[in-house]
């Protein structure tokens, strides 16, 4: 019976997909992504996601980036 050592199980924190990958497998960096979200209180929260969930996270982050830019450029609610 063959035995492989140094294998890590990757599990997506969002959809719970998982994969067992050996150290050095190129899919560890191409199929799995560490993401960070900062809460309204300034607390950074990390997660590990698969590529499919990473794509949806990028879309969410893009909308949040646009909302943040619009907030910074909005001067109508400024109090003098």
Protein backbone atom coordinates (compact mmCIF):
# COMPACT_ATOMS: atom_id res chain seq x y z
CA UNK A 1 0.00 0.00 0.00
CA UNK A 2 1.44 3.36 -1.02
CA UNK A 3 1.62 6.10 1.55
CA UNK A 4 1.80 9.85 0.94
CA UNK A 5 3.02 12.20 3.65
CA UNK A 6 2.67 15.97 4.11
CA UNK A 7 -0.89 16.26 2.90
CA UNK A 8 -3.14 19.14 3.96
CA UNK A 9 -6.91 19.20 3.79
CA UNK A 10 -8.22 22.52 2.45
CA UNK A 11 -11.86 23.35 3.27
CA UNK A 12 -13.68 26.41 2.00
CA UNK A 13 -15.08 28.45 4.89
CA UNK A 14 -18.03 29.49 2.72
CA UNK A 15 -19.27 26.47 0.71
CA UNK A 16 -17.33 23.76 2.60
CA UNK A 17 -15.81 22.23 -0.53
CA UNK A 18 -12.61 20.42 0.37
CA UNK A 19 -9.51 18.89 -1.17
CA UNK A 20 -6.51 16.96 0.10
CA UNK A 21 -3.35 18.43 -1.42
CA UNK A 22 0.28 17.46 -1.00
CA UNK A 23 2.90 20.04 -0.08
CA UNK A 24 4.09 21.82 -3.21
CA UNK A 25 0.95 21.03 -5.22
CA UNK A 26 0.33 24.08 -7.47
CA UNK A 27 -3.40 23.92 -6.70
CA UNK A 28 -2.70 25.11 -3.15
CA UNK A 29 -2.16 28.63 -4.49
CA UNK A 30 -4.31 28.54 -7.64
CA UNK A 31 -7.46 26.92 -6.20
CA UNK A 32 -7.42 28.21 -2.60
CA UNK A 33 -7.36 31.81 -1.44
CA UNK A 34 -6.92 33.51 1.92
CA UNK A 35 -9.25 36.49 2.17
CA UNK A 36 -9.60 39.21 4.80
CA UNK A 37 -12.58 41.35 5.68
CA UNK A 38 -12.46 44.26 8.12
CA UNK A 39 -15.60 44.72 10.21
CA UNK A 40 -17.16 48.09 11.01
CA UNK A 41 -15.29 47.92 14.33
CA UNK A 42 -11.93 47.55 12.57
CA UNK A 43 -11.50 43.86 13.34
CA UNK A 44 -9.85 41.86 10.56
CA UNK A 45 -11.48 38.50 9.87
CA UNK A 46 -9.74 35.93 7.73
CA UNK A 47 -11.13 33.00 5.79
CA UNK A 48 -9.99 30.35 3.35
CA UNK A 49 -12.12 30.07 0.20
CA UNK A 50 -12.14 28.04 -2.99
CA UNK A 51 -11.80 29.73 -6.37
CA UNK A 52 -15.57 29.84 -7.00
CA UNK A 53 -16.22 31.59 -3.68
CA UNK A 54 -13.20 33.84 -4.21
CA UNK A 55 -14.78 35.09 -7.44
CA UNK A 56 -17.98 36.06 -5.61
CA UNK A 57 -15.93 37.66 -2.82
CA UNK A 58 -14.07 39.77 -5.40
CA UNK A 59 -17.41 40.95 -6.82
CA UNK A 60 -18.61 41.83 -3.31
CA UNK A 61 -15.35 43.67 -2.57
CA UNK A 62 -15.67 45.63 -5.83
CA UNK A 63 -19.13 46.88 -4.85
CA UNK A 64 -17.86 47.80 -1.40
CA UNK A 65 -14.90 49.62 -2.95
CA UNK A 66 -17.26 51.61 -5.17
CA UNK A 67 -19.51 52.45 -2.22
CA UNK A 68 -16.50 53.59 -0.19
CA UNK A 69 -15.24 55.80 -3.04
CA UNK A 70 -18.72 57.30 -3.44
CA UNK A 71 -18.84 57.99 0.30
CA UNK A 72 -15.50 59.82 0.21
CA UNK A 73 -16.58 61.89 -2.76
CA UNK A 74 -20.00 62.79 -1.33
CA UNK A 75 -19.86 66.29 0.05
CA UNK A 76 -23.60 66.93 0.29
CA UNK A 77 -23.86 65.51 3.80
CA UNK A 78 -20.89 67.47 5.22
CA UNK A 79 -21.61 69.78 8.10
CA UNK A 80 -19.77 73.06 8.13
